[in-house]
Amino acid sequence: MAEFVTNTHRFDPYKTFKFRISWDGNVVAGLQKATGLKKTTEMIEWREAGNPSVVRKMPGRTSYAPITFEAGVTHDTTFETWANQVNNFAGDSAISLVKYRKNITVELLNEQGTPVLRYTLHRAWVSEYQAIPDLDANSHAVAITSIKVEYEGFDRDTSLQEPSET
């Protein structure tokens, strides 16, 4: 059973279909999918010379899995503009050393559209950009564009409290 402090009547955990992603103060329009936030800390084994039968385990380096954003293809250039700030076919002078890293806000919303969880991804940049998907005349799928984003860490906004549901 999920535990809710403010909404004690609620038993169901939050769903994944309502979310909002933003950077540079703008919500990304038409976003269909975002992969999850994940960090992994390596494990280091260590043995003492005087006690070789005991293996001690310590935390090592922490890495953060990239996150992928997918949106339907429209005339919006948000993904392309950011990807071109990292690497541009026009050459090095077209790359923005100031603008290519961004902080991203990821918000999970409840069924009423109110933010219930908020995370900030720090120093993010685009490592992969797909302008259009594979094209297939026999398909009836929506065209999807995507970016893969690398970042150096994330943290939860603990000032966002559980909203009261009516």
N, C-alpha and C. Protein backbone atom coordinates (compact mmCIF):
# COMPACT_ATOMS: atom_id res chain seq x y z
N MET A 1 0.85 -1.17 0.00
CA MET A 1 0.00 0.00 0.00
C MET A 1 0.89 1.24 0.00
N ALA A 2 0.60 2.17 -0.91
CA ALA A 2 1.33 3.43 -0.95
C ALA A 2 0.95 4.29 0.24
N GLU A 3 1.89 5.08 0.69
CA GLU A 3 1.62 5.93 1.85
C GLU A 3 1.63 7.39 1.43
N PHE A 4 0.53 8.08 1.68
CA PHE A 4 0.38 9.49 1.37
C PHE A 4 0.04 10.23 2.66
N VAL A 5 0.78 11.28 2.96
CA VAL A 5 0.59 12.01 4.21
C VAL A 5 -0.61 12.94 4.12
N THR A 6 -0.67 13.75 3.05
CA THR A 6 -1.75 14.73 2.90
C THR A 6 -3.03 14.07 2.42
N ASN A 7 -2.93 13.19 1.45
CA ASN A 7 -4.11 12.54 0.85
C ASN A 7 -4.24 11.12 1.40
N THR A 8 -4.67 11.00 2.63
CA THR A 8 -4.74 9.70 3.30
C THR A 8 -5.76 8.77 2.65
N HIS A 9 -6.68 9.33 1.86
CA HIS A 9 -7.68 8.52 1.14
C HIS A 9 -7.07 7.81 -0.08
N ARG A 10 -5.89 8.25 -0.51
CA ARG A 10 -5.29 7.74 -1.73
C ARG A 10 -4.50 6.47 -1.46
N PHE A 11 -4.74 5.44 -2.26
CA PHE A 11 -4.00 4.18 -2.16
C PHE A 11 -3.15 3.92 -3.40
N ASP A 12 -3.55 4.48 -4.53
CA ASP A 12 -2.85 4.23 -5.80
C ASP A 12 -1.60 5.09 -5.92
N PRO A 13 -0.48 4.49 -6.35
CA PRO A 13 0.71 5.31 -6.62
C PRO A 13 0.49 6.16 -7.86
N TYR A 14 1.36 7.13 -8.07
CA TYR A 14 1.24 8.01 -9.23
C TYR A 14 1.49 7.23 -10.52
N LYS A 15 0.88 7.69 -11.59
CA LYS A 15 1.01 7.05 -12.89
C LYS A 15 2.09 7.76 -13.72
N THR A 16 2.54 7.12 -14.77
CA THR A 16 3.65 7.67 -15.55
C THR A 16 3.21 8.45 -16.79
N PHE A 17 1.92 8.55 -17.07
CA PHE A 17 1.51 9.15 -18.32
C PHE A 17 1.34 10.67 -18.27
N LYS A 18 1.46 11.27 -17.09
CA LYS A 18 1.38 12.73 -16.99
C LYS A 18 2.71 13.25 -16.44
N PHE A 19 3.43 14.00 -17.27
CA PHE A 19 4.72 14.53 -16.89
C PHE A 19 5.01 15.77 -17.71
N ARG A 20 6.01 16.51 -17.25
CA ARG A 20 6.39 17.74 -17.94
C ARG A 20 7.91 17.86 -17.86
N ILE A 21 8.54 18.22 -18.98
CA ILE A 21 9.97 18.41 -19.07
C ILE A 21 10.22 19.85 -19.52
N SER A 22 11.15 20.51 -18.88
CA SER A 22 11.44 21.89 -19.31
C SER A 22 12.93 22.19 -19.17
N TRP A 23 13.40 23.13 -20.01
CA TRP A 23 14.73 23.70 -19.88
C TRP A 23 14.68 25.10 -20.44
N ASP A 24 15.59 25.92 -20.01
CA ASP A 24 15.62 27.34 -20.38
C ASP A 24 14.29 28.02 -20.06
N GLY A 25 13.58 27.54 -19.05
CA GLY A 25 12.31 28.15 -18.65
C GLY A 25 11.14 27.81 -19.54
N ASN A 26 11.31 26.90 -20.50
CA ASN A 26 10.24 26.55 -21.44
C ASN A 26 9.89 25.06 -21.33
N VAL A 27 8.60 24.77 -21.29
CA VAL A 27 8.14 23.38 -21.30
C VAL A 27 8.28 22.85 -22.73
N VAL A 28 8.81 21.65 -22.86
CA VAL A 28 8.98 21.03 -24.16
C VAL A 28 7.61 20.56 -24.65
N ALA A 29 7.18 21.07 -25.78
CA ALA A 29 5.85 20.77 -26.32
C ALA A 29 5.84 19.44 -27.05
N GLY A 30 4.72 18.74 -26.99
CA GLY A 30 4.51 17.53 -27.78
C GLY A 30 5.34 16.34 -27.35
N LEU A 31 5.86 16.37 -26.14
CA LEU A 31 6.70 15.27 -25.66
C LEU A 31 5.84 14.03 -25.42
N GLN A 32 6.26 12.90 -25.97
CA GLN A 32 5.51 11.66 -25.83
C GLN A 32 6.11 10.75 -24.77
N LYS A 33 7.43 10.73 -24.67
CA LYS A 33 8.08 9.75 -23.81
C LYS A 33 9.40 10.28 -23.29
N ALA A 34 9.72 9.91 -22.05
CA ALA A 34 11.02 10.20 -21.45
C ALA A 34 11.44 8.95 -20.68
N THR A 35 12.68 8.53 -20.89
CA THR A 35 13.16 7.37 -20.13
C THR A 35 13.42 7.80 -18.69
N GLY A 36 13.59 6.83 -17.79
CA GLY A 36 13.71 7.10 -16.36
C GLY A 36 15.06 7.65 -15.93
N LEU A 37 15.08 8.18 -14.71
CA LEU A 37 16.32 8.67 -14.10
C LEU A 37 16.97 7.52 -13.34
N LYS A 38 18.26 7.34 -13.57
CA LYS A 38 18.94 6.21 -12.94
C LYS A 38 20.39 6.57 -12.67
N LYS A 39 20.85 6.23 -11.46
CA LYS A 39 22.27 6.38 -11.16
C LYS A 39 22.79 5.06 -10.62
N THR A 40 24.06 4.77 -10.91
CA THR A 40 24.69 3.53 -10.50
C THR A 40 26.03 3.85 -9.85
N THR A 41 26.27 3.27 -8.68
CA THR A 41 27.54 3.44 -8.00
C THR A 41 28.31 2.14 -8.07
N GLU A 42 29.54 2.23 -8.58
CA GLU A 42 30.39 1.04 -8.68
C GLU A 42 30.74 0.53 -7.29
N MET A 43 30.98 -0.75 -7.21
CA MET A 43 31.38 -1.37 -5.96
C MET A 43 32.87 -1.72 -6.06
N ILE A 44 33.62 -1.35 -5.02
CA ILE A 44 35.05 -1.65 -4.96
C ILE A 44 35.28 -2.68 -3.86
N GLU A 45 35.92 -3.79 -4.22
CA GLU A 45 36.28 -4.79 -3.21
C GLU A 45 37.66 -4.47 -2.67
N TRP A 46 37.83 -4.68 -1.37
CA TRP A 46 39.09 -4.35 -0.71
C TRP A 46 39.37 -5.39 0.37
N ARG A 47 40.62 -5.79 0.46
CA ARG A 47 41.01 -6.78 1.48
C ARG A 47 42.15 -6.22 2.31
N GLU A 48 42.08 -6.49 3.59
CA GLU A 48 43.19 -6.13 4.47
C GLU A 48 44.27 -7.20 4.37
N ALA A 49 45.53 -6.78 4.46
CA ALA A 49 46.64 -7.74 4.39
C ALA A 49 46.61 -8.71 5.56
N GLY A 50 46.20 -8.24 6.72
CA GLY A 50 46.17 -9.09 7.91
C GLY A 50 44.95 -9.98 7.99
N ASN A 51 43.96 -9.75 7.15
CA ASN A 51 42.72 -10.53 7.20
C ASN A 51 42.23 -10.80 5.78
N PRO A 52 42.97 -11.61 5.00
CA PRO A 52 42.65 -11.80 3.59
C PRO A 52 41.37 -12.59 3.33
N SER A 53 40.78 -13.19 4.35
CA SER A 53 39.57 -13.98 4.10
C SER A 53 38.30 -13.12 4.10
N VAL A 54 38.40 -11.90 4.55
CA VAL A 54 37.24 -11.00 4.58
C VAL A 54 37.35 -9.99 3.45
N VAL A 55 36.33 -9.92 2.64
CA VAL A 55 36.29 -8.95 1.55
C VAL A 55 35.39 -7.79 1.99
N ARG A 56 35.93 -6.62 1.98
CA ARG A 56 35.16 -5.43 2.31
C ARG A 56 34.67 -4.80 1.01
N LYS A 57 33.53 -4.14 1.09
CA LYS A 57 32.96 -3.50 -0.09
C LYS A 57 32.74 -2.03 0.20
N MET A 58 33.20 -1.19 -0.76
CA MET A 58 33.09 0.26 -0.61
C MET A 58 32.46 0.84 -1.87
N PRO A 59 31.82 2.00 -1.73
CA PRO A 59 31.29 2.66 -2.93
C PRO A 59 32.42 3.28 -3.74
N GLY A 60 32.28 3.20 -5.05
CA GLY A 60 33.25 3.81 -5.96
C GLY A 60 32.62 4.96 -6.71
N ARG A 61 32.92 5.05 -8.00
CA ARG A 61 32.39 6.14 -8.83
C ARG A 61 30.90 5.96 -9.08
N THR A 62 30.21 7.08 -9.17
CA THR A 62 28.79 7.06 -9.51
C THR A 62 28.62 7.60 -10.92
N SER A 63 27.82 6.90 -11.71
CA SER A 63 27.52 7.37 -13.06
C SER A 63 26.00 7.49 -13.22
N TYR A 64 25.60 8.33 -14.14
CA TYR A 64 24.19 8.60 -14.38
C TYR A 64 23.82 8.14 -15.79
N ALA A 65 22.78 7.31 -15.88
CA ALA A 65 22.35 6.80 -17.18
C ALA A 65 21.76 7.93 -18.01
N PRO A 66 22.04 7.96 -19.31
CA PRO A 66 21.44 9.00 -20.14
C PRO A 66 19.92 8.89 -20.16
N ILE A 67 19.27 9.99 -20.46
CA ILE A 67 17.82 10.02 -20.57
C ILE A 67 17.47 10.36 -22.01
N THR A 68 16.44 9.72 -22.54
CA THR A 68 16.01 9.96 -23.92
C THR A 68 14.64 10.59 -23.92
N PHE A 69 14.47 11.63 -24.72
CA PHE A 69 13.18 12.29 -24.89
C PHE A 69 12.68 12.04 -26.31
N GLU A 70 11.41 11.68 -26.44
CA GLU A 70 10.79 11.45 -27.74
C GLU A 70 9.58 12.35 -27.90
N ALA A 71 9.45 12.91 -29.09
CA ALA A 71 8.30 13.77 -29.40
C ALA A 71 7.87 13.52 -30.84
N GLY A 72 6.60 13.79 -31.11
CA GLY A 72 6.11 13.70 -32.48
C GLY A 72 6.76 14.76 -33.34
N VAL A 73 7.05 14.42 -34.60
CA VAL A 73 7.68 15.36 -35.53
C VAL A 73 6.69 16.46 -35.89
N THR A 74 7.10 17.70 -35.66
CA THR A 74 6.33 18.89 -36.04
C THR A 74 7.33 19.90 -36.60
N HIS A 75 6.95 21.14 -36.65
CA HIS A 75 7.88 22.18 -37.09
C HIS A 75 8.63 22.82 -35.92
N ASP A 76 8.45 22.29 -34.71
CA ASP A 76 9.17 22.76 -33.53
C ASP A 76 10.63 22.34 -33.66
N THR A 77 11.55 23.25 -33.42
CA THR A 77 12.98 22.98 -33.59
C THR A 77 13.74 22.88 -32.26
N THR A 78 13.01 22.66 -31.15
CA THR A 78 13.65 22.63 -29.83
C THR A 78 14.78 21.61 -29.75
N PHE A 79 14.53 20.37 -30.15
CA PHE A 79 15.56 19.32 -30.09
C PHE A 79 16.73 19.65 -31.01
N GLU A 80 16.42 20.02 -32.24
CA GLU A 80 17.46 20.29 -33.24
C GLU A 80 18.34 21.47 -32.84
N THR A 81 17.72 22.53 -32.32
CA THR A 81 18.48 23.70 -31.91
C THR A 81 19.48 23.35 -30.82
N TRP A 82 19.02 22.58 -29.82
CA TRP A 82 19.94 22.21 -28.73
C TRP A 82 21.04 21.29 -29.25
N ALA A 83 20.68 20.30 -30.05
CA ALA A 83 21.67 19.37 -30.59
C ALA A 83 22.73 20.11 -31.41
N ASN A 84 22.33 21.12 -32.16
CA ASN A 84 23.26 21.89 -32.97
C ASN A 84 24.17 22.78 -32.14
N GLN A 85 23.84 23.05 -30.89
CA GLN A 85 24.72 23.82 -30.02
C GLN A 85 25.88 22.97 -29.52
N VAL A 86 25.72 21.64 -29.57
CA VAL A 86 26.77 20.73 -29.14
C VAL A 86 27.70 20.39 -30.31
N ASN A 87 27.11 20.09 -31.45
CA ASN A 87 27.88 19.72 -32.64
C ASN A 87 27.09 20.21 -33.84
N ASN A 88 27.75 20.93 -34.73
CA ASN A 88 27.05 21.55 -35.85
C ASN A 88 27.81 21.29 -37.14
N PHE A 89 27.08 20.94 -38.19
CA PHE A 89 27.71 20.67 -39.48
C PHE A 89 28.40 21.91 -40.05
N ALA A 90 28.00 23.10 -39.58
CA ALA A 90 28.60 24.35 -40.07
C ALA A 90 30.01 24.57 -39.53
N GLY A 91 30.44 23.73 -38.60
CA GLY A 91 31.80 23.84 -38.08
C GLY A 91 31.85 24.30 -36.64
N ASP A 92 33.06 24.34 -36.11
CA ASP A 92 33.27 24.66 -34.70
C ASP A 92 32.74 26.04 -34.32
N SER A 93 32.79 27.00 -35.21
CA SER A 93 32.35 28.35 -34.86
C SER A 93 30.84 28.42 -34.63
N ALA A 94 30.08 27.42 -35.10
CA ALA A 94 28.62 27.40 -34.91
C ALA A 94 28.21 26.76 -33.59
N ILE A 95 29.18 26.16 -32.89
CA ILE A 95 28.90 25.49 -31.61
C ILE A 95 28.88 26.53 -30.50
N SER A 96 27.93 26.41 -29.58
CA SER A 96 27.85 27.34 -28.46
C SER A 96 28.43 26.71 -27.20
N LEU A 97 29.60 27.18 -26.78
CA LEU A 97 30.22 26.66 -25.57
C LEU A 97 29.46 27.11 -24.32
N VAL A 98 28.69 28.17 -24.43
CA VAL A 98 27.94 28.71 -23.29
C VAL A 98 26.58 28.03 -23.16
N LYS A 99 25.91 27.76 -24.28
CA LYS A 99 24.52 27.31 -24.25
C LYS A 99 24.32 25.80 -24.38
N TYR A 100 25.36 25.02 -24.66
CA TYR A 100 25.11 23.61 -24.94
C TYR A 100 24.80 22.79 -23.70
N ARG A 101 25.20 23.25 -22.51
CA ARG A 101 24.83 22.57 -21.26
C ARG A 101 23.64 23.28 -20.65
N LYS A 102 22.67 22.49 -20.17
CA LYS A 102 21.45 23.04 -19.60
C LYS A 102 21.07 22.26 -18.35
N ASN A 103 20.33 22.89 -17.47
CA ASN A 103 19.67 22.18 -16.38
C ASN A 103 18.26 21.86 -16.85
N ILE A 104 17.86 20.62 -16.65
CA ILE A 104 16.55 20.15 -17.11
C ILE A 104 15.68 19.88 -15.89
N THR A 105 14.43 20.29 -15.96
CA THR A 105 13.46 19.99 -14.90
C THR A 105 12.53 18.90 -15.39
N VAL A 106 12.39 17.84 -14.58
CA VAL A 106 11.49 16.73 -14.87
C VAL A 106 10.42 16.73 -13.78
N GLU A 107 9.16 16.86 -14.17
CA GLU A 107 8.06 16.88 -13.21
C GLU A 107 7.10 15.74 -13.48
N LEU A 108 6.74 15.02 -12.44
CA LEU A 108 5.68 14.02 -12.51
C LEU A 108 4.42 14.70 -12.02
N LEU A 109 3.31 14.54 -12.76
CA LEU A 109 2.06 15.20 -12.42
C LEU A 109 1.04 14.16 -11.97
N ASN A 110 0.12 14.58 -11.08
CA ASN A 110 -0.98 13.68 -10.71
C ASN A 110 -2.07 13.77 -11.78
N GLU A 111 -3.16 13.06 -11.60
CA GLU A 111 -4.22 13.02 -12.60
C GLU A 111 -4.86 14.39 -12.84
N GLN A 112 -4.76 15.31 -11.86
CA GLN A 112 -5.30 16.66 -12.01
C GLN A 112 -4.32 17.59 -12.73
N GLY A 113 -3.12 17.10 -13.03
CA GLY A 113 -2.12 17.90 -13.72
C GLY A 113 -1.28 18.76 -12.78
N THR A 114 -1.30 18.45 -11.48
CA THR A 114 -0.52 19.17 -10.49
C THR A 114 0.81 18.46 -10.26
N PRO A 115 1.94 19.21 -10.25
CA PRO A 115 3.23 18.57 -9.99
C PRO A 115 3.27 17.91 -8.61
N VAL A 116 3.74 16.65 -8.57
CA VAL A 116 3.86 15.91 -7.31
C VAL A 116 5.31 15.56 -6.99
N LEU A 117 6.15 15.44 -8.01
CA LEU A 117 7.58 15.21 -7.85
C LEU A 117 8.32 16.06 -8.87
N ARG A 118 9.48 16.60 -8.46
CA ARG A 118 10.27 17.42 -9.38
C ARG A 118 11.74 17.10 -9.18
N TYR A 119 12.42 16.83 -10.28
CA TYR A 119 13.85 16.56 -10.25
C TYR A 119 14.55 17.53 -11.20
N THR A 120 15.78 17.89 -10.86
CA THR A 120 16.60 18.72 -11.73
C THR A 120 17.81 17.91 -12.17
N LEU A 121 18.03 17.84 -13.48
CA LEU A 121 19.21 17.20 -14.05
C LEU A 121 20.23 18.30 -14.30
N HIS A 122 21.45 18.11 -13.84
CA HIS A 122 22.47 19.16 -13.88
C HIS A 122 23.45 18.96 -15.03
N ARG A 123 23.80 20.08 -15.67
CA ARG A 123 24.83 20.15 -16.72
C ARG A 123 24.57 19.14 -17.85
N ALA A 124 23.36 19.14 -18.35
CA ALA A 124 22.95 18.20 -19.40
C ALA A 124 23.36 18.71 -20.78
N TRP A 125 23.60 17.76 -21.68
CA TRP A 125 23.91 18.09 -23.08
C TRP A 125 23.46 16.94 -23.98
N VAL A 126 23.21 17.24 -25.23
CA VAL A 126 22.69 16.26 -26.19
C VAL A 126 23.84 15.45 -26.78
N SER A 127 23.76 14.12 -26.61
CA SER A 127 24.80 13.26 -27.19
C SER A 127 24.30 12.56 -28.46
N GLU A 128 23.01 12.54 -28.67
CA GLU A 128 22.45 11.88 -29.86
C GLU A 128 21.15 12.58 -30.25
N TYR A 129 20.97 12.82 -31.54
CA TYR A 129 19.77 13.46 -32.05
C TYR A 129 19.27 12.69 -33.25
N GLN A 130 17.99 12.34 -33.24
CA GLN A 130 17.37 11.69 -34.39
C GLN A 130 16.31 12.64 -34.93
N ALA A 131 16.54 13.19 -36.12
CA ALA A 131 15.64 14.17 -36.71
C ALA A 131 14.31 13.54 -37.14
N ILE A 132 14.40 12.42 -37.84
CA ILE A 132 13.20 11.69 -38.25
C ILE A 132 13.48 10.20 -38.09
N PRO A 133 12.43 9.40 -37.91
CA PRO A 133 12.62 7.96 -37.74
C PRO A 133 12.80 7.27 -39.09
N ASP A 134 12.96 5.96 -39.04
CA ASP A 134 12.95 5.18 -40.28
C ASP A 134 11.61 5.43 -40.96
N LEU A 135 11.65 5.59 -42.27
CA LEU A 135 10.43 5.86 -43.03
C LEU A 135 9.98 4.57 -43.71
N ASP A 136 8.68 4.30 -43.66
CA ASP A 136 8.14 3.05 -44.18
C ASP A 136 6.76 3.32 -44.76
N ALA A 137 6.62 3.16 -46.08
CA ALA A 137 5.35 3.43 -46.74
C ALA A 137 4.25 2.45 -46.31
N ASN A 138 4.62 1.30 -45.75
CA ASN A 138 3.62 0.33 -45.30
C ASN A 138 3.20 0.53 -43.85
N SER A 139 3.74 1.53 -43.19
CA SER A 139 3.45 1.77 -41.78
C SER A 139 2.41 2.87 -41.63
N HIS A 140 1.75 2.89 -40.50
CA HIS A 140 0.81 3.97 -40.19
C HIS A 140 1.16 4.60 -38.84
N ALA A 141 2.45 4.58 -38.50
CA ALA A 141 2.93 5.09 -37.21
C ALA A 141 3.16 6.60 -37.27
N VAL A 142 3.18 7.21 -36.10
CA VAL A 142 3.50 8.63 -35.97
C VAL A 142 5.01 8.79 -36.09
N ALA A 143 5.45 9.81 -36.81
CA ALA A 143 6.87 10.10 -36.93
C ALA A 143 7.38 10.68 -35.61
N ILE A 144 8.47 10.12 -35.09
CA ILE A 144 9.02 10.50 -33.79
C ILE A 144 10.44 11.04 -33.95
N THR A 145 10.72 12.16 -33.31
CA THR A 145 12.07 12.70 -33.21
C THR A 145 12.54 12.48 -31.78
N SER A 146 13.86 12.36 -31.59
CA SER A 146 14.34 12.10 -30.23
C SER A 146 15.72 12.69 -30.01
N ILE A 147 16.01 12.91 -28.71
CA ILE A 147 17.36 13.28 -28.31
C ILE A 147 17.75 12.40 -27.13
N LYS A 148 19.03 12.09 -27.06
CA LYS A 148 19.60 11.38 -25.93
C LYS A 148 20.46 12.39 -25.18
N VAL A 149 20.21 12.51 -23.89
CA VAL A 149 20.85 13.55 -23.09
C VAL A 149 21.73 12.94 -22.00
N GLU A 150 22.96 13.40 -21.93
CA GLU A 150 23.89 13.02 -20.87
C GLU A 150 23.84 14.12 -19.82
N TYR A 151 24.06 13.77 -18.55
CA TYR A 151 24.05 14.77 -17.49
C TYR A 151 24.97 14.32 -16.37
N GLU A 152 25.29 15.22 -15.46
CA GLU A 152 26.28 14.94 -14.43
C GLU A 152 25.68 14.69 -13.05
N GLY A 153 24.39 14.62 -12.95
CA GLY A 153 23.76 14.34 -11.67
C GLY A 153 22.34 14.87 -11.64
N PHE A 154 21.57 14.39 -10.68
CA PHE A 154 20.21 14.91 -10.50
C PHE A 154 19.89 14.98 -9.02
N ASP A 155 18.96 15.87 -8.69
CA ASP A 155 18.48 15.93 -7.32
C ASP A 155 16.99 16.25 -7.31
N ARG A 156 16.37 15.85 -6.21
CA ARG A 156 14.92 16.03 -6.04
C ARG A 156 14.67 17.38 -5.38
N ASP A 157 13.64 18.06 -5.84
CA ASP A 157 13.21 19.32 -5.24
C ASP A 157 12.35 18.98 -4.03
N THR A 158 12.97 19.02 -2.85
CA THR A 158 12.26 18.66 -1.63
C THR A 158 11.31 19.76 -1.15
N SER A 159 11.36 20.94 -1.76
CA SER A 159 10.43 22.00 -1.38
C SER A 159 9.03 21.75 -1.95
N LEU A 160 8.93 20.88 -2.96
CA LEU A 160 7.62 20.53 -3.53
C LEU A 160 6.95 19.52 -2.62
N GLN A 161 5.89 19.95 -1.98
CA GLN A 161 5.16 19.10 -1.04
C GLN A 161 4.01 18.38 -1.74
N GLU A 162 3.50 17.33 -1.13
CA GLU A 162 2.37 16.60 -1.67
C GLU A 162 1.16 17.54 -1.74
N PRO A 163 0.58 17.73 -2.95
CA PRO A 163 -0.55 18.65 -3.07
C PRO A 163 -1.82 17.99 -2.52
N SER A 164 -2.71 18.81 -2.01
CA SER A 164 -4.00 18.32 -1.52
C SER A 164 -4.92 18.05 -2.70
N GLU A 165 -5.41 16.83 -2.82
CA GLU A 165 -6.29 16.46 -3.92
C GLU A 165 -7.75 16.63 -3.52
N THR A 166 -8.55 17.13 -4.45
CA THR A 166 -9.99 17.31 -4.18
C THR A 166 -10.82 16.40 -5.03
